[in-house]
């Protein structure tokens, strides 16, 4: 899932599928406005659209950046049975064992793949 500048002052939010090492656009929405985080309803609508097109049981891992890390979007992907990986700011704090820590601190203390929240 990625947002890119298109045209004059517009953002295209796209979901790509990867086949034979190439990213192929599957669905996209274009809106007028700057790059960066967009309203969460836009990527959620794309997830619903892709789910309607995919055969049942298809394994999906969604890779997104900080623009795709909203909690409602995460719940939507989880409900669809998708896994996700999100690159986001390390300055964000997360709860862990009753306290809050910066993500980079928690990440340094964990083995890869461990769920922290």
PDB file of N, CA and C in Angstrom:
ATOM      1  N   UNK A   1       0.867  -1.164   0.000  1.00  0.00           N
ATOM      2  CA  UNK A   1       0.000   0.000   0.000  1.00  0.00           C
ATOM      3  C   UNK A   1       0.907   1.218   0.000  1.00  0.00           C
ATOM      4  N   UNK A   2       0.653   2.126  -0.939  1.00  0.00           N
ATOM      5  CA  UNK A   2       1.565   3.253  -1.093  1.00  0.00           C
ATOM      6  C   UNK A   2       0.820   4.452  -1.641  1.00  0.00           C
ATOM      7  N   UNK A   3       1.234   5.626  -1.228  1.00  0.00           N
ATOM      8  CA  UNK A   3       0.687   6.862  -1.763  1.00  0.00           C
ATOM      9  C   UNK A   3       1.733   7.553  -2.626  1.00  0.00           C
ATOM     10  N   UNK A   4       1.324   8.043  -3.785  1.00  0.00           N
ATOM     11  CA  UNK A   4       2.237   8.718  -4.702  1.00  0.00           C
ATOM     12  C   UNK A   4       1.582   9.970  -5.258  1.00  0.00           C
ATOM     13  N   UNK A   5       2.410  10.978  -5.550  1.00  0.00           N
ATOM     14  CA  UNK A   5       1.927  12.204  -6.177  1.00  0.00           C
ATOM     15  C   UNK A   5       1.577  11.902  -7.628  1.00  0.00           C
ATOM     16  N   UNK A   6       0.392  12.352  -8.037  1.00  0.00           N
ATOM     17  CA  UNK A   6      -0.017  12.223  -9.438  1.00  0.00           C
ATOM     18  C   UNK A   6      -0.653  13.541  -9.871  1.00  0.00           C
ATOM     19  N   UNK A   7      -0.480  13.888 -11.114  1.00  0.00           N
ATOM     20  CA  UNK A   7      -1.095  15.107 -11.632  1.00  0.00           C
ATOM     21  C   UNK A   7      -0.646  16.342 -10.872  1.00  0.00           C
ATOM     22  N   UNK A   8      -1.540  17.307 -10.790  1.00  0.00           N
ATOM     23  CA  UNK A   8      -1.253  18.563 -10.096  1.00  0.00           C
ATOM     24  C   UNK A   8      -1.916  18.564  -8.730  1.00  0.00           C
ATOM     25  N   UNK A   9      -1.107  18.334  -7.708  1.00  0.00           N
ATOM     26  CA  UNK A   9      -1.607  18.403  -6.343  1.00  0.00           C
ATOM     27  C   UNK A   9      -2.532  17.278  -5.943  1.00  0.00           C
ATOM     28  N   UNK A  10      -2.349  16.110  -6.510  1.00  0.00           N
ATOM     29  CA  UNK A  10      -3.194  14.968  -6.172  1.00  0.00           C
ATOM     30  C   UNK A  10      -2.350  13.825  -5.620  1.00  0.00           C
ATOM     31  N   UNK A  11      -2.998  12.968  -4.843  1.00  0.00           N
ATOM     32  CA  UNK A  11      -2.364  11.796  -4.247  1.00  0.00           C
ATOM     33  C   UNK A  11      -3.107  10.563  -4.718  1.00  0.00           C
ATOM     34  N   UNK A  12      -2.379   9.563  -5.161  1.00  0.00           N
ATOM     35  CA  UNK A  12      -2.967   8.276  -5.513  1.00  0.00           C
ATOM     36  C   UNK A  12      -2.553   7.274  -4.448  1.00  0.00           C
ATOM     37  N   UNK A  13      -3.529   6.694  -3.765  1.00  0.00           N
ATOM     38  CA  UNK A  13      -3.263   5.632  -2.810  1.00  0.00           C
ATOM     39  C   UNK A  13      -3.493   4.326  -3.552  1.00  0.00           C
ATOM     40  N   UNK A  14      -2.476   3.463  -3.582  1.00  0.00           N
ATOM     41  CA  UNK A  14      -2.539   2.258  -4.398  1.00  0.00           C
ATOM     42  C   UNK A  14      -2.223   1.018  -3.578  1.00  0.00           C
ATOM     43  N   UNK A  15      -2.851  -0.077  -3.970  1.00  0.00           N
ATOM     44  CA  UNK A  15      -2.494  -1.395  -3.449  1.00  0.00           C
ATOM     45  C   UNK A  15      -1.948  -2.177  -4.617  1.00  0.00           C
ATOM     46  N   UNK A  16      -0.768  -2.762  -4.422  1.00  0.00           N
ATOM     47  CA  UNK A  16      -0.107  -3.537  -5.461  1.00  0.00           C
ATOM     48  C   UNK A  16      -0.053  -5.009  -5.059  1.00  0.00           C
ATOM     49  N   UNK A  17      -0.071  -5.856  -6.044  1.00  0.00           N
ATOM     50  CA  UNK A  17       0.230  -7.270  -5.843  1.00  0.00           C
ATOM     51  C   UNK A  17       1.609  -7.515  -6.413  1.00  0.00           C
ATOM     52  N   UNK A  18       2.335  -8.454  -5.843  1.00  0.00           N
ATOM     53  CA  UNK A  18       3.674  -8.759  -6.338  1.00  0.00           C
ATOM     54  C   UNK A  18       3.629 -10.085  -7.087  1.00  0.00           C
ATOM     55  N   UNK A  19       4.104 -10.067  -8.312  1.00  0.00           N
ATOM     56  CA  UNK A  19       4.162 -11.261  -9.143  1.00  0.00           C
ATOM     57  C   UNK A  19       5.456 -11.247  -9.929  1.00  0.00           C
ATOM     58  N   UNK A  20       6.210 -12.321  -9.828  1.00  0.00           N
ATOM     59  CA  UNK A  20       7.474 -12.472 -10.541  1.00  0.00           C
ATOM     60  C   UNK A  20       8.401 -11.284 -10.300  1.00  0.00           C
ATOM     61  N   UNK A  21       8.422 -10.800  -9.055  1.00  0.00           N
ATOM     62  CA  UNK A  21       9.331  -9.731  -8.674  1.00  0.00           C
ATOM     63  C   UNK A  21       8.888  -8.335  -9.080  1.00  0.00           C
ATOM     64  N   UNK A  22       7.675  -8.203  -9.583  1.00  0.00           N
ATOM     65  CA  UNK A  22       7.185  -6.883  -9.999  1.00  0.00           C
ATOM     66  C   UNK A  22       5.912  -6.530  -9.224  1.00  0.00           C
ATOM     67  N   UNK A  23       5.802  -5.257  -8.871  1.00  0.00           N
ATOM     68  CA  UNK A  23       4.602  -4.769  -8.198  1.00  0.00           C
ATOM     69  C   UNK A  23       3.593  -4.327  -9.251  1.00  0.00           C
ATOM     70  N   UNK A  24       2.422  -4.945  -9.228  1.00  0.00           N
ATOM     71  CA  UNK A  24       1.374  -4.626 -10.196  1.00  0.00           C
ATOM     72  C   UNK A  24       0.221  -3.949  -9.467  1.00  0.00           C
ATOM     73  N   UNK A  25      -0.206  -2.768  -9.918  1.00  0.00           N
ATOM     74  CA  UNK A  25      -1.304  -2.089  -9.223  1.00  0.00           C
ATOM     75  C   UNK A  25      -2.604  -2.874  -9.367  1.00  0.00           C
ATOM     76  N   UNK A  26      -3.284  -3.100  -8.222  1.00  0.00           N
ATOM     77  CA  UNK A  26      -4.543  -3.835  -8.221  1.00  0.00           C
ATOM     78  C   UNK A  26      -5.740  -2.906  -8.044  1.00  0.00           C
ATOM     79  N   UNK A  27      -5.579  -1.883  -7.192  1.00  0.00           N
ATOM     80  CA  UNK A  27      -6.657  -0.927  -6.948  1.00  0.00           C
ATOM     81  C   UNK A  27      -6.036   0.383  -6.497  1.00  0.00           C
ATOM     82  N   UNK A  28      -6.695   1.473  -6.786  1.00  0.00           N
ATOM     83  CA  UNK A  28      -6.187   2.780  -6.375  1.00  0.00           C
ATOM     84  C   UNK A  28      -7.332   3.759  -6.234  1.00  0.00           C
ATOM     85  N   UNK A  29      -7.085   4.782  -5.440  1.00  0.00           N
ATOM     86  CA  UNK A  29      -8.009   5.903  -5.253  1.00  0.00           C
ATOM     87  C   UNK A  29      -7.178   7.169  -5.368  1.00  0.00           C
ATOM     88  N   UNK A  30      -7.727   8.168  -6.031  1.00  0.00           N
ATOM     89  CA  UNK A  30      -7.026   9.437  -6.211  1.00  0.00           C
ATOM     90  C   UNK A  30      -7.832  10.521  -5.508  1.00  0.00           C
ATOM     91  N   UNK A  31      -7.122  11.373  -4.788  1.00  0.00           N
ATOM     92  CA  UNK A  31      -7.779  12.508  -4.134  1.00  0.00           C
ATOM     93  C   UNK A  31      -6.893  13.732  -4.272  1.00  0.00           C
ATOM     94  N   UNK A  32      -7.516  14.898  -4.245  1.00  0.00           N
ATOM     95  CA  UNK A  32      -6.752  16.120  -4.297  1.00  0.00           C
ATOM     96  C   UNK A  32      -6.191  16.391  -2.908  1.00  0.00           C
ATOM     97  N   UNK A  33      -4.926  16.722  -2.843  1.00  0.00           N
ATOM     98  CA  UNK A  33      -4.303  17.017  -1.562  1.00  0.00           C
ATOM     99  C   UNK A  33      -2.842  16.608  -1.567  1.00  0.00           C
ATOM    100  N   UNK A  34      -2.135  16.953  -0.512  1.00  0.00           N
ATOM    101  CA  UNK A  34      -0.708  16.669  -0.440  1.00  0.00           C
ATOM    102  C   UNK A  34      -0.437  15.194  -0.122  1.00  0.00           C
ATOM    103  N   UNK A  35       0.813  14.799  -0.290  1.00  0.00           N
ATOM    104  CA  UNK A  35       1.213  13.453   0.104  1.00  0.00           C
ATOM    105  C   UNK A  35       1.239  13.374   1.628  1.00  0.00           C
ATOM    106  N   UNK A  36       1.362  12.171   2.122  1.00  0.00           N
ATOM    107  CA  UNK A  36       1.396  11.965   3.561  1.00  0.00           C
ATOM    108  C   UNK A  36       0.142  11.256   4.014  1.00  0.00           C
ATOM    109  N   UNK A  37      -0.086  11.250   5.313  1.00  0.00           N
ATOM    110  CA  UNK A  37      -1.258  10.531   5.825  1.00  0.00           C
ATOM    111  C   UNK A  37      -2.556  11.048   5.216  1.00  0.00           C
ATOM    112  N   UNK A  38      -3.454  10.122   4.922  1.00  0.00           N
ATOM    113  CA  UNK A  38      -4.751  10.481   4.372  1.00  0.00           C
ATOM    114  C   UNK A  38      -5.829   9.950   5.315  1.00  0.00           C
ATOM    115  N   UNK A  39      -7.062  10.407   5.138  1.00  0.00           N
ATOM    116  CA  UNK A  39      -8.126   9.902   6.004  1.00  0.00           C
ATOM    117  C   UNK A  39      -8.190   8.374   5.940  1.00  0.00           C
ATOM    118  N   UNK A  40      -8.405   7.756   7.084  1.00  0.00           N
ATOM    119  CA  UNK A  40      -8.348   6.293   7.181  1.00  0.00           C
ATOM    120  C   UNK A  40      -9.410   5.599   6.333  1.00  0.00           C
ATOM    121  N   UNK A  41     -10.495   6.283   6.011  1.00  0.00           N
ATOM    122  CA  UNK A  41     -11.539   5.635   5.219  1.00  0.00           C
ATOM    123  C   UNK A  41     -11.072   5.318   3.798  1.00  0.00           C
ATOM    124  N   UNK A  42     -10.084   6.048   3.297  1.00  0.00           N
ATOM    125  CA  UNK A  42      -9.573   5.810   1.943  1.00  0.00           C
ATOM    126  C   UNK A  42      -8.855   4.457   1.836  1.00  0.00           C
ATOM    127  N   UNK A  43      -7.849   4.157   2.671  1.00  0.00           N
ATOM    128  CA  UNK A  43      -7.224   2.831   2.574  1.00  0.00           C
ATOM    129  C   UNK A  43      -8.167   1.701   2.991  1.00  0.00           C
ATOM    130  N   UNK A  44      -9.088   1.961   3.914  1.00  0.00           N
ATOM    131  CA  UNK A  44     -10.050   0.929   4.311  1.00  0.00           C
ATOM    132  C   UNK A  44     -10.934   0.551   3.120  1.00  0.00           C
ATOM    133  N   UNK A  45     -11.364   1.536   2.348  1.00  0.00           N
ATOM    134  CA  UNK A  45     -12.175   1.258   1.153  1.00  0.00           C
ATOM    135  C   UNK A  45     -11.389   0.411   0.152  1.00  0.00           C
ATOM    136  N   UNK A  46     -10.076   0.669   0.027  1.00  0.00           N
ATOM    137  CA  UNK A  46      -9.255  -0.141  -0.881  1.00  0.00           C
ATOM    138  C   UNK A  46      -9.144  -1.574  -0.402  1.00  0.00           C
ATOM    139  N   UNK A  47      -8.982  -1.774   0.899  1.00  0.00           N
ATOM    140  CA  UNK A  47      -8.898  -3.135   1.444  1.00  0.00           C
ATOM    141  C   UNK A  47     -10.199  -3.883   1.136  1.00  0.00           C
ATOM    142  N   UNK A  48     -11.347  -3.238   1.351  1.00  0.00           N
ATOM    143  CA  UNK A  48     -12.626  -3.884   1.064  1.00  0.00           C
ATOM    144  C   UNK A  48     -12.759  -4.229  -0.423  1.00  0.00           C
ATOM    145  N   UNK A  49     -12.310  -3.324  -1.278  1.00  0.00           N
ATOM    146  CA  UNK A  49     -12.390  -3.569  -2.726  1.00  0.00           C
ATOM    147  C   UNK A  49     -11.536  -4.769  -3.132  1.00  0.00           C
ATOM    148  N   UNK A  50     -10.314  -4.837  -2.614  1.00  0.00           N
ATOM    149  CA  UNK A  50      -9.419  -5.948  -2.954  1.00  0.00           C
ATOM    150  C   UNK A  50      -9.981  -7.264  -2.412  1.00  0.00           C
ATOM    151  N   UNK A  51     -10.524  -7.249  -1.196  1.00  0.00           N
ATOM    152  CA  UNK A  51     -11.093  -8.472  -0.607  1.00  0.00           C
ATOM    153  C   UNK A  51     -12.204  -9.038  -1.480  1.00  0.00           C
ATOM    154  N   UNK A  52     -12.995  -8.158  -2.084  1.00  0.00           N
ATOM    155  CA  UNK A  52     -14.089  -8.609  -2.936  1.00  0.00           C
ATOM    156  C   UNK A  52     -13.579  -9.259  -4.222  1.00  0.00           C
ATOM    157  N   UNK A  53     -12.354  -8.942  -4.623  1.00  0.00           N
ATOM    158  CA  UNK A  53     -11.802  -9.459  -5.874  1.00  0.00           C
ATOM    159  C   UNK A  53     -10.965 -10.724  -5.709  1.00  0.00           C
ATOM    160  N   UNK A  54     -10.494 -10.967  -4.489  1.00  0.00           N
ATOM    161  CA  UNK A  54      -9.549 -12.070  -4.272  1.00  0.00           C
ATOM    162  C   UNK A  54     -10.262 -13.391  -3.993  1.00  0.00           C
ATOM    163  N   UNK A  55      -9.690 -14.490  -4.474  1.00  0.00           N
ATOM    164  CA  UNK A  55     -10.266 -15.796  -4.147  1.00  0.00           C
ATOM    165  C   UNK A  55     -10.151 -16.062  -2.639  1.00  0.00           C
ATOM    166  N   UNK A  56     -11.136 -16.739  -2.061  1.00  0.00           N
ATOM    167  CA  UNK A  56     -11.060 -17.068  -0.634  1.00  0.00           C
ATOM    168  C   UNK A  56      -9.791 -17.866  -0.323  1.00  0.00           C
ATOM    169  N   UNK A  57      -9.209 -17.579   0.828  1.00  0.00           N
ATOM    170  CA  UNK A  57      -8.017 -18.305   1.266  1.00  0.00           C
ATOM    171  C   UNK A  57      -6.708 -17.754   0.723  1.00  0.00           C
ATOM    172  N   UNK A  58      -6.759 -16.678  -0.054  1.00  0.00           N
ATOM    173  CA  UNK A  58      -5.533 -16.078  -0.578  1.00  0.00           C
ATOM    174  C   UNK A  58      -4.729 -15.488   0.574  1.00  0.00           C
ATOM    175  N   UNK A  59      -3.437 -15.816   0.627  1.00  0.00           N
ATOM    176  CA  UNK A  59      -2.574 -15.280   1.675  1.00  0.00           C
ATOM    177  C   UNK A  59      -2.121 -13.880   1.283  1.00  0.00           C
ATOM    178  N   UNK A  60      -2.325 -12.921   2.189  1.00  0.00           N
ATOM    179  CA  UNK A  60      -1.971 -11.530   1.922  1.00  0.00           C
ATOM    180  C   UNK A  60      -1.107 -11.005   3.057  1.00  0.00           C
ATOM    181  N   UNK A  61       0.001 -10.375   2.704  1.00  0.00           N
ATOM    182  CA  UNK A  61       0.820  -9.629   3.656  1.00  0.00           C
ATOM    183  C   UNK A  61       0.867  -8.205   3.137  1.00  0.00           C
ATOM    184  N   UNK A  62       0.338  -7.285   3.911  1.00  0.00           N
ATOM    185  CA  UNK A  62       0.267  -5.890   3.508  1.00  0.00           C
ATOM    186  C   UNK A  62       1.471  -5.140   4.075  1.00  0.00           C
ATOM    187  N   UNK A  63       2.250  -4.508   3.210  1.00  0.00           N
ATOM    188  CA  UNK A  63       3.374  -3.680   3.619  1.00  0.00           C
ATOM    189  C   UNK A  63       2.984  -2.229   3.402  1.00  0.00           C
ATOM    190  N   UNK A  64       3.073  -1.437   4.448  1.00  0.00           N
ATOM    191  CA  UNK A  64       2.736  -0.030   4.335  1.00  0.00           C
ATOM    192  C   UNK A  64       3.695   0.805   5.164  1.00  0.00           C
ATOM    193  N   UNK A  65       3.573   2.117   5.031  1.00  0.00           N
ATOM    194  CA  UNK A  65       4.408   3.017   5.830  1.00  0.00           C
ATOM    195  C   UNK A  65       3.534   3.685   6.883  1.00  0.00           C
ATOM    196  N   UNK A  66       4.014   4.756   7.474  1.00  0.00           N
ATOM    197  CA  UNK A  66       3.289   5.434   8.544  1.00  0.00           C
ATOM    198  C   UNK A  66       1.926   5.947   8.139  1.00  0.00           C
ATOM    199  N   UNK A  67       1.695   6.147   6.846  1.00  0.00           N
ATOM    200  CA  UNK A  67       0.385   6.593   6.388  1.00  0.00           C
ATOM    201  C   UNK A  67      -0.647   5.473   6.492  1.00  0.00           C
ATOM    202  N   UNK A  68      -0.199   4.254   6.714  1.00  0.00           N
ATOM    203  CA  UNK A  68      -1.087   3.088   6.752  1.00  0.00           C
ATOM    204  C   UNK A  68      -1.122   2.430   8.116  1.00  0.00           C
ATOM    205  N   UNK A  69      -0.815   3.170   9.177  1.00  0.00           N
ATOM    206  CA  UNK A  69      -0.716   2.522  10.485  1.00  0.00           C
ATOM    207  C   UNK A  69      -1.867   2.832  11.423  1.00  0.00           C
ATOM    208  N   UNK A  70      -2.982   3.343  10.910  1.00  0.00           N
ATOM    209  CA  UNK A  70      -4.127   3.658  11.760  1.00  0.00           C
ATOM    210  C   UNK A  70      -4.760   2.409  12.356  1.00  0.00           C
ATOM    211  N   UNK A  71      -5.320   2.534  13.544  1.00  0.00           N
ATOM    212  CA  UNK A  71      -5.868   1.371  14.235  1.00  0.00           C
ATOM    213  C   UNK A  71      -7.098   0.794  13.525  1.00  0.00           C
ATOM    214  N   UNK A  72      -7.959   1.631  12.960  1.00  0.00           N
ATOM    215  CA  UNK A  72      -9.132   1.113  12.239  1.00  0.00           C
ATOM    216  C   UNK A  72      -8.698   0.350  10.994  1.00  0.00           C
ATOM    217  N   UNK A  73      -7.672   0.830  10.316  1.00  0.00           N
ATOM    218  CA  UNK A  73      -7.146   0.125   9.144  1.00  0.00           C
ATOM    219  C   UNK A  73      -6.533  -1.209   9.558  1.00  0.00           C
ATOM    220  N   UNK A  74      -5.803  -1.227  10.665  1.00  0.00           N
ATOM    221  CA  UNK A  74      -5.226  -2.482  11.155  1.00  0.00           C
ATOM    222  C   UNK A  74      -6.324  -3.491  11.485  1.00  0.00           C
ATOM    223  N   UNK A  75      -7.397  -3.041  12.119  1.00  0.00           N
ATOM    224  CA  UNK A  75      -8.510  -3.934  12.450  1.00  0.00           C
ATOM    225  C   UNK A  75      -9.179  -4.461  11.182  1.00  0.00           C
ATOM    226  N   UNK A  76      -9.305  -3.620  10.168  1.00  0.00           N
ATOM    227  CA  UNK A  76      -9.914  -4.032   8.900  1.00  0.00           C
ATOM    228  C   UNK A  76      -9.074  -5.109   8.232  1.00  0.00           C
ATOM    229  N   UNK A  77      -7.751  -4.909   8.194  1.00  0.00           N
ATOM    230  CA  UNK A  77      -6.871  -5.913   7.583  1.00  0.00           C
ATOM    231  C   UNK A  77      -6.916  -7.217   8.364  1.00  0.00           C
ATOM    232  N   UNK A  78      -6.922  -7.138   9.684  1.00  0.00           N
ATOM    233  CA  UNK A  78      -6.976  -8.340  10.510  1.00  0.00           C
ATOM    234  C   UNK A  78      -8.287  -9.085  10.278  1.00  0.00           C
ATOM    235  N   UNK A  79      -9.409  -8.355  10.225  1.00  0.00           N
ATOM    236  CA  UNK A  79     -10.711  -8.975   9.985  1.00  0.00           C
ATOM    237  C   UNK A  79     -10.763  -9.663   8.618  1.00  0.00           C
ATOM    238  N   UNK A  80     -10.004  -9.140   7.657  1.00  0.00           N
ATOM    239  CA  UNK A  80      -9.948  -9.736   6.321  1.00  0.00           C
ATOM    240  C   UNK A  80      -9.012 -10.948   6.271  1.00  0.00           C
ATOM    241  N   UNK A  81      -8.313 -11.203   7.389  1.00  0.00           N
ATOM    242  CA  UNK A  81      -7.384 -12.334   7.430  1.00  0.00           C
ATOM    243  C   UNK A  81      -6.011 -12.008   6.886  1.00  0.00           C
ATOM    244  N   UNK A  82      -5.724 -10.718   6.717  1.00  0.00           N
ATOM    245  CA  UNK A  82      -4.427 -10.303   6.189  1.00  0.00           C
ATOM    246  C   UNK A  82      -3.407 -10.195   7.310  1.00  0.00           C
ATOM    247  N   UNK A  83      -2.165 -10.440   6.990  1.00  0.00           N
ATOM    248  CA  UNK A  83      -1.046 -10.105   7.868  1.00  0.00           C
ATOM    249  C   UNK A  83      -0.557  -8.736   7.422  1.00  0.00           C
ATOM    250  N   UNK A  84       0.174  -8.048   8.285  1.00  0.00           N
ATOM    251  CA  UNK A  84       0.660  -6.744   7.862  1.00  0.00           C
ATOM    252  C   UNK A  84       2.007  -6.431   8.482  1.00  0.00           C
ATOM    253  N   UNK A  85       2.743  -5.629   7.766  1.00  0.00           N
ATOM    254  CA  UNK A  85       4.029  -5.105   8.200  1.00  0.00           C
ATOM    255  C   UNK A  85       3.950  -3.608   7.954  1.00  0.00           C
ATOM    256  N   UNK A  86       4.282  -2.818   8.956  1.00  0.00           N
ATOM    257  CA  UNK A  86       4.146  -1.376   8.816  1.00  0.00           C
ATOM    258  C   UNK A  86       5.445  -0.687   9.210  1.00  0.00           C
ATOM    259  N   UNK A  87       6.015   0.057   8.289  1.00  0.00           N
ATOM    260  CA  UNK A  87       7.172   0.886   8.609  1.00  0.00           C
ATOM    261  C   UNK A  87       6.637   2.220   9.089  1.00  0.00           C
ATOM    262  N   UNK A  88       6.941   2.563  10.319  1.00  0.00           N
ATOM    263  CA  UNK A  88       6.413   3.808  10.872  1.00  0.00           C
ATOM    264  C   UNK A  88       7.475   4.456  11.747  1.00  0.00           C
ATOM    265  N   UNK A  89       7.178   5.620  12.255  1.00  0.00           N
ATOM    266  CA  UNK A  89       8.144   6.383  13.048  1.00  0.00           C
ATOM    267  C   UNK A  89       8.556   5.609  14.305  1.00  0.00           C
ATOM    268  N   UNK A  90       9.832   5.592  14.600  1.00  0.00           N
ATOM    269  CA  UNK A  90      10.303   4.919  15.810  1.00  0.00           C
ATOM    270  C   UNK A  90       9.993   5.734  17.048  1.00  0.00           C
ATOM    271  N   UNK A  91       9.626   6.998  16.882  1.00  0.00           N
ATOM    272  CA  UNK A  91       9.309   7.834  18.037  1.00  0.00           C
ATOM    273  C   UNK A  91       7.929   7.523  18.613  1.00  0.00           C
ATOM    274  N   UNK A  92       7.123   6.752  17.902  1.00  0.00           N
ATOM    275  CA  UNK A  92       5.804   6.368  18.389  1.00  0.00           C
ATOM    276  C   UNK A  92       5.973   5.478  19.617  1.00  0.00           C
ATOM    277  N   UNK A  93       5.124   5.683  20.619  1.00  0.00           N
ATOM    278  CA  UNK A  93       5.208   4.849  21.811  1.00  0.00           C
ATOM    279  C   UNK A  93       4.174   3.738  21.748  1.00  0.00           C
ATOM    280  N   UNK A  94       4.538   2.581  22.321  1.00  0.00           N
ATOM    281  CA  UNK A  94       3.658   1.420  22.351  1.00  0.00           C
ATOM    282  C   UNK A  94       3.601   0.863  23.769  1.00  0.00           C
ATOM    283  N   UNK A  95       2.450   0.261  24.127  1.00  0.00           N
ATOM    284  CA  UNK A  95       2.378  -0.378  25.441  1.00  0.00           C
ATOM    285  C   UNK A  95       3.093  -1.729  25.404  1.00  0.00           C
ATOM    286  N   UNK A  96       3.802  -2.036  26.475  1.00  0.00           N
ATOM    287  CA  UNK A  96       4.479  -3.334  26.565  1.00  0.00           C
ATOM    288  C   UNK A  96       4.677  -3.654  28.038  1.00  0.00           C
ATOM    289  N   UNK A  97       4.083  -4.758  28.460  1.00  0.00           N
ATOM    290  CA  UNK A  97       4.205  -5.241  29.828  1.00  0.00           C
ATOM    291  C   UNK A  97       3.888  -4.156  30.854  1.00  0.00           C
ATOM    292  N   UNK A  98       2.761  -3.457  30.642  1.00  0.00           N
ATOM    293  CA  UNK A  98       2.282  -2.481  31.606  1.00  0.00           C
ATOM    294  C   UNK A  98       2.947  -1.121  31.575  1.00  0.00           C
ATOM    295  N   UNK A  99       3.836  -0.871  30.647  1.00  0.00           N
ATOM    296  CA  UNK A  99       4.501   0.428  30.545  1.00  0.00           C
ATOM    297  C   UNK A  99       4.489   0.848  29.083  1.00  0.00           C
ATOM    298  N   UNK A 100       4.933   2.064  28.787  1.00  0.00           N
ATOM    299  CA  UNK A 100       5.036   2.510  27.401  1.00  0.00           C
ATOM    300  C   UNK A 100       6.489   2.789  27.057  1.00  0.00           C
ATOM    301  N   UNK A 101       6.848   2.420  25.833  1.00  0.00           N
ATOM    302  CA  UNK A 101       8.216   2.589  25.343  1.00  0.00           C
ATOM    303  C   UNK A 101       8.175   3.061  23.902  1.00  0.00           C
ATOM    304  N   UNK A 102       9.259   3.700  23.470  1.00  0.00           N
ATOM    305  CA  UNK A 102       9.408   4.017  22.051  1.00  0.00           C
ATOM    306  C   UNK A 102       9.578   2.709  21.282  1.00  0.00           C
ATOM    307  N   UNK A 103       9.093   2.669  20.042  1.00  0.00           N
ATOM    308  CA  UNK A 103       9.167   1.439  19.247  1.00  0.00           C
ATOM    309  C   UNK A 103      10.594   0.951  19.037  1.00  0.00           C
ATOM    310  N   UNK A 104      11.531   1.864  18.861  1.00  0.00           N
ATOM    311  CA  UNK A 104      12.896   1.420  18.622  1.00  0.00           C
ATOM    312  C   UNK A 104      13.480   0.721  19.845  1.00  0.00           C
ATOM    313  N   UNK A 105      13.085   1.144  21.051  1.00  0.00           N
ATOM    314  CA  UNK A 105      13.572   0.504  22.273  1.00  0.00           C
ATOM    315  C   UNK A 105      12.976  -0.891  22.391  1.00  0.00           C
ATOM    316  N   UNK A 106      11.663  -0.994  22.161  1.00  0.00           N
ATOM    317  CA  UNK A 106      11.018  -2.305  22.226  1.00  0.00           C
ATOM    318  C   UNK A 106      11.597  -3.227  21.169  1.00  0.00           C
ATOM    319  N   UNK A 107      11.774  -2.724  19.963  1.00  0.00           N
ATOM    320  CA  UNK A 107      12.309  -3.538  18.885  1.00  0.00           C
ATOM    321  C   UNK A 107      13.696  -4.070  19.183  1.00  0.00           C
ATOM    322  N   UNK A 108      14.508  -3.310  19.882  1.00  0.00           N
ATOM    323  CA  UNK A 108      15.869  -3.760  20.202  1.00  0.00           C
ATOM    324  C   UNK A 108      15.854  -4.882  21.226  1.00  0.00           C
ATOM    325  N   UNK A 109      14.757  -5.015  21.973  1.00  0.00           N
ATOM    326  CA  UNK A 109      14.671  -6.023  23.043  1.00  0.00           C
ATOM    327  C   UNK A 109      13.984  -7.307  22.615  1.00  0.00           C
ATOM    328  N   UNK A 110      13.471  -7.375  21.407  1.00  0.00           N
ATOM    329  CA  UNK A 110      12.663  -8.519  20.969  1.00  0.00           C
ATOM    330  C   UNK A 110      13.322  -9.311  19.870  1.00  0.00           C
ATOM    331  N   UNK A 111      12.917 -10.565  19.759  1.00  0.00           N
ATOM    332  CA  UNK A 111      13.331 -11.369  18.622  1.00  0.00           C
ATOM    333  C   UNK A 111      12.399 -11.054  17.458  1.00  0.00           C
ATOM    334  N   UNK A 112      12.856 -11.173  16.213  1.00  0.00           N
ATOM    335  CA  UNK A 112      12.009 -10.863  15.063  1.00  0.00           C
ATOM    336  C   UNK A 112      10.732 -11.692  15.064  1.00  0.00           C
ATOM    337  N   UNK A 113       9.608 -11.030  14.717  1.00  0.00           N
ATOM    338  CA  UNK A 113       8.332 -11.709  14.594  1.00  0.00           C
ATOM    339  C   UNK A 113       7.494 -11.749  15.854  1.00  0.00           C
ATOM    340  N   UNK A 114       8.016 -11.276  16.979  1.00  0.00           N
ATOM    341  CA  UNK A 114       7.239 -11.317  18.228  1.00  0.00           C
ATOM    342  C   UNK A 114       6.214 -10.190  18.240  1.00  0.00           C
ATOM    343  N   UNK A 115       4.985 -10.521  18.609  1.00  0.00           N
ATOM    344  CA  UNK A 115       3.905  -9.549  18.705  1.00  0.00           C
ATOM    345  C   UNK A 115       4.072  -8.756  19.983  1.00  0.00           C
ATOM    346  N   UNK A 116       3.983  -7.415  19.903  1.00  0.00           N
ATOM    347  CA  UNK A 116       4.236  -6.595  21.083  1.00  0.00           C
ATOM    348  C   UNK A 116       3.001  -5.893  21.610  1.00  0.00           C
ATOM    349  N   UNK A 117       1.898  -5.888  20.909  1.00  0.00           N
ATOM    350  CA  UNK A 117       0.710  -5.192  21.425  1.00  0.00           C
ATOM    351  C   UNK A 117      -0.541  -5.985  21.175  1.00  0.00           C
TER     352      UNK A 117
END
